[in-house]
Structure formats: structure tokens, C-alpha cells
């Protein structure tokens, strides 16, 4: 992880503290849709939480689910730029 990744992570965590759950859900969905990869998010959620919708994640699992979603988004960004294969 380089410095810019840490800065992005800090910004994401800061935003998460000020946004409501529906706003956080929508932000994740918007970012994943940008990469036309909703199916990847659904697969990830199904694998770890037995549901395909971030809106159906329990309150106790929501932070873990959003963390996984942001890891997915980061990987999608890197793969788009050719950094990850």
C-alpha cells in the first residue's frame, strides 16, 4: 500500500463517519456500478454474508461488508489502470 492508498483510505473512513447507512450503501453501489461489476459485489456478499444485497446486511456485519466492498472497489480501480491482473 502506498501513500496515496493510505490517504484514500483515510478519506473513505472519514466520510463513513459522517454519512448515514443508506448514503454509504449508495456510495458503494455507485462506485461498483461505475466498473460494471455489481455481479462481483453480489458474489462477494453471498460468499461471506449469504445475501447478494448490501442493503440486506445486518447492522452487526455492515462495517465488515463495507470494508470488503471498498477492497473490491480498490482492486477494480487498479485493474482498470493495468496495475492488477
C-alpha atoms as a PDB file:
ATOM      1  CA  UNK A   1       0.000   0.000   0.000  1.00  0.00           C
ATOM      2  CA  UNK A   2       1.478   3.337  -0.985  1.00  0.00           C
ATOM      3  CA  UNK A   3       0.895   6.797   0.458  1.00  0.00           C
ATOM      4  CA  UNK A   4      -1.936   7.687  -1.930  1.00  0.00           C
ATOM      5  CA  UNK A   5      -3.751   4.483  -0.926  1.00  0.00           C
ATOM      6  CA  UNK A   6      -3.480   5.455   2.743  1.00  0.00           C
ATOM      7  CA  UNK A   7      -4.788   8.930   2.006  1.00  0.00           C
ATOM      8  CA  UNK A   8      -7.735   7.483   0.090  1.00  0.00           C
ATOM      9  CA  UNK A   9      -8.418   5.049   2.927  1.00  0.00           C
ATOM     10  CA  UNK A  10      -8.406   7.871   5.474  1.00  0.00           C
ATOM     11  CA  UNK A  11     -10.796   9.935   3.331  1.00  0.00           C
ATOM     12  CA  UNK A  12     -13.129   6.954   2.977  1.00  0.00           C
ATOM     13  CA  UNK A  13     -13.132   6.292   6.728  1.00  0.00           C
ATOM     14  CA  UNK A  14     -13.729   9.967   7.488  1.00  0.00           C
ATOM     15  CA  UNK A  15     -16.684  10.057   5.090  1.00  0.00           C
ATOM     16  CA  UNK A  16     -18.076   6.866   6.598  1.00  0.00           C
ATOM     17  CA  UNK A  17     -18.348   8.526   9.998  1.00  0.00           C
ATOM     18  CA  UNK A  18     -20.418  11.394   8.616  1.00  0.00           C
ATOM     19  CA  UNK A  19     -22.686   9.516   6.201  1.00  0.00           C
ATOM     20  CA  UNK A  20     -25.817   7.602   7.034  1.00  0.00           C
ATOM     21  CA  UNK A  21     -26.028   3.908   6.264  1.00  0.00           C
ATOM     22  CA  UNK A  22     -28.211   4.455   3.153  1.00  0.00           C
ATOM     23  CA  UNK A  23     -25.711   7.051   1.901  1.00  0.00           C
ATOM     24  CA  UNK A  24     -22.816   4.624   2.445  1.00  0.00           C
ATOM     25  CA  UNK A  25     -24.733   1.843   0.669  1.00  0.00           C
ATOM     26  CA  UNK A  26     -25.439   4.093  -2.300  1.00  0.00           C
ATOM     27  CA  UNK A  27     -21.852   5.316  -2.484  1.00  0.00           C
ATOM     28  CA  UNK A  28     -20.603   1.729  -2.694  1.00  0.00           C
ATOM     29  CA  UNK A  29     -23.213   0.770  -5.287  1.00  0.00           C
ATOM     30  CA  UNK A  30     -22.351   3.821  -7.403  1.00  0.00           C
ATOM     31  CA  UNK A  31     -18.627   3.034  -7.318  1.00  0.00           C
ATOM     32  CA  UNK A  32     -19.129  -0.648  -8.188  1.00  0.00           C
ATOM     33  CA  UNK A  33     -21.630   0.177 -10.960  1.00  0.00           C
ATOM     34  CA  UNK A  34     -19.061   2.537 -12.456  1.00  0.00           C
ATOM     35  CA  UNK A  35     -16.930  -0.543 -13.155  1.00  0.00           C
ATOM     36  CA  UNK A  36     -19.955  -2.562 -14.332  1.00  0.00           C
ATOM     37  CA  UNK A  37     -19.150  -5.073 -11.591  1.00  0.00           C
ATOM     38  CA  UNK A  38     -22.277  -5.403  -9.459  1.00  0.00           C
ATOM     39  CA  UNK A  39     -22.049  -9.160 -10.012  1.00  0.00           C
ATOM     40  CA  UNK A  40     -18.654  -9.186  -8.258  1.00  0.00           C
ATOM     41  CA  UNK A  41     -20.065  -7.361  -5.243  1.00  0.00           C
ATOM     42  CA  UNK A  42     -23.036  -9.738  -5.141  1.00  0.00           C
ATOM     43  CA  UNK A  43     -20.719 -12.767  -5.293  1.00  0.00           C
ATOM     44  CA  UNK A  44     -18.544 -11.353  -2.503  1.00  0.00           C
ATOM     45  CA  UNK A  45     -21.529 -10.666  -0.264  1.00  0.00           C
ATOM     46  CA  UNK A  46     -23.043 -14.079  -0.984  1.00  0.00           C
ATOM     47  CA  UNK A  47     -19.778 -15.792  -0.114  1.00  0.00           C
ATOM     48  CA  UNK A  48     -19.322 -14.003   3.215  1.00  0.00           C
ATOM     49  CA  UNK A  49     -22.821 -12.967   4.331  1.00  0.00           C
ATOM     50  CA  UNK A  50     -25.257 -15.295   2.498  1.00  0.00           C
ATOM     51  CA  UNK A  51     -27.008 -12.386   0.768  1.00  0.00           C
ATOM     52  CA  UNK A  52     -26.429 -10.610  -2.532  1.00  0.00           C
ATOM     53  CA  UNK A  53     -27.591  -7.148  -1.486  1.00  0.00           C
ATOM     54  CA  UNK A  54     -25.647  -4.762   0.705  1.00  0.00           C
ATOM     55  CA  UNK A  55     -29.000  -3.408   1.889  1.00  0.00           C
ATOM     56  CA  UNK A  56     -29.779  -6.801   3.451  1.00  0.00           C
ATOM     57  CA  UNK A  57     -26.616  -6.953   5.564  1.00  0.00           C
ATOM     58  CA  UNK A  58     -27.272  -6.903   9.308  1.00  0.00           C
ATOM     59  CA  UNK A  59     -26.141  -3.936  11.382  1.00  0.00           C
ATOM     60  CA  UNK A  60     -23.526  -6.070  13.114  1.00  0.00           C
ATOM     61  CA  UNK A  61     -21.967  -7.157   9.799  1.00  0.00           C
ATOM     62  CA  UNK A  62     -22.336  -3.882   7.924  1.00  0.00           C
ATOM     63  CA  UNK A  63     -18.878  -2.465   8.686  1.00  0.00           C
ATOM     64  CA  UNK A  64     -17.216  -5.725   7.647  1.00  0.00           C
ATOM     65  CA  UNK A  65     -19.260  -5.808   4.438  1.00  0.00           C
ATOM     66  CA  UNK A  66     -18.370  -2.230   3.555  1.00  0.00           C
ATOM     67  CA  UNK A  67     -14.698  -2.920   4.198  1.00  0.00           C
ATOM     68  CA  UNK A  68     -14.811  -5.845   1.758  1.00  0.00           C
ATOM     69  CA  UNK A  69     -16.697  -3.697  -0.739  1.00  0.00           C
ATOM     70  CA  UNK A  70     -14.040  -0.963  -0.580  1.00  0.00           C
ATOM     71  CA  UNK A  71     -11.285  -3.548  -1.063  1.00  0.00           C
ATOM     72  CA  UNK A  72     -13.160  -4.724  -4.165  1.00  0.00           C
ATOM     73  CA  UNK A  73     -13.502  -1.140  -5.431  1.00  0.00           C
ATOM     74  CA  UNK A  74      -9.781  -0.529  -4.906  1.00  0.00           C
ATOM     75  CA  UNK A  75      -8.923  -3.673  -6.867  1.00  0.00           C
ATOM     76  CA  UNK A  76     -11.304  -2.692  -9.649  1.00  0.00           C
ATOM     77  CA  UNK A  77      -9.615   0.714  -9.889  1.00  0.00           C
ATOM     78  CA  UNK A  78      -6.178  -0.880 -10.050  1.00  0.00           C
ATOM     79  CA  UNK A  79      -7.256  -3.430 -12.658  1.00  0.00           C
ATOM     80  CA  UNK A  80      -8.712  -0.633 -14.771  1.00  0.00           C
ATOM     81  CA  UNK A  81      -5.347   1.132 -14.740  1.00  0.00           C
ATOM     82  CA  UNK A  82      -3.496  -2.083 -15.521  1.00  0.00           C
ATOM     83  CA  UNK A  83      -1.860  -2.378 -12.096  1.00  0.00           C
ATOM     84  CA  UNK A  84      -3.550  -5.653 -11.159  1.00  0.00           C
ATOM     85  CA  UNK A  85      -4.181  -8.614 -13.425  1.00  0.00           C
END
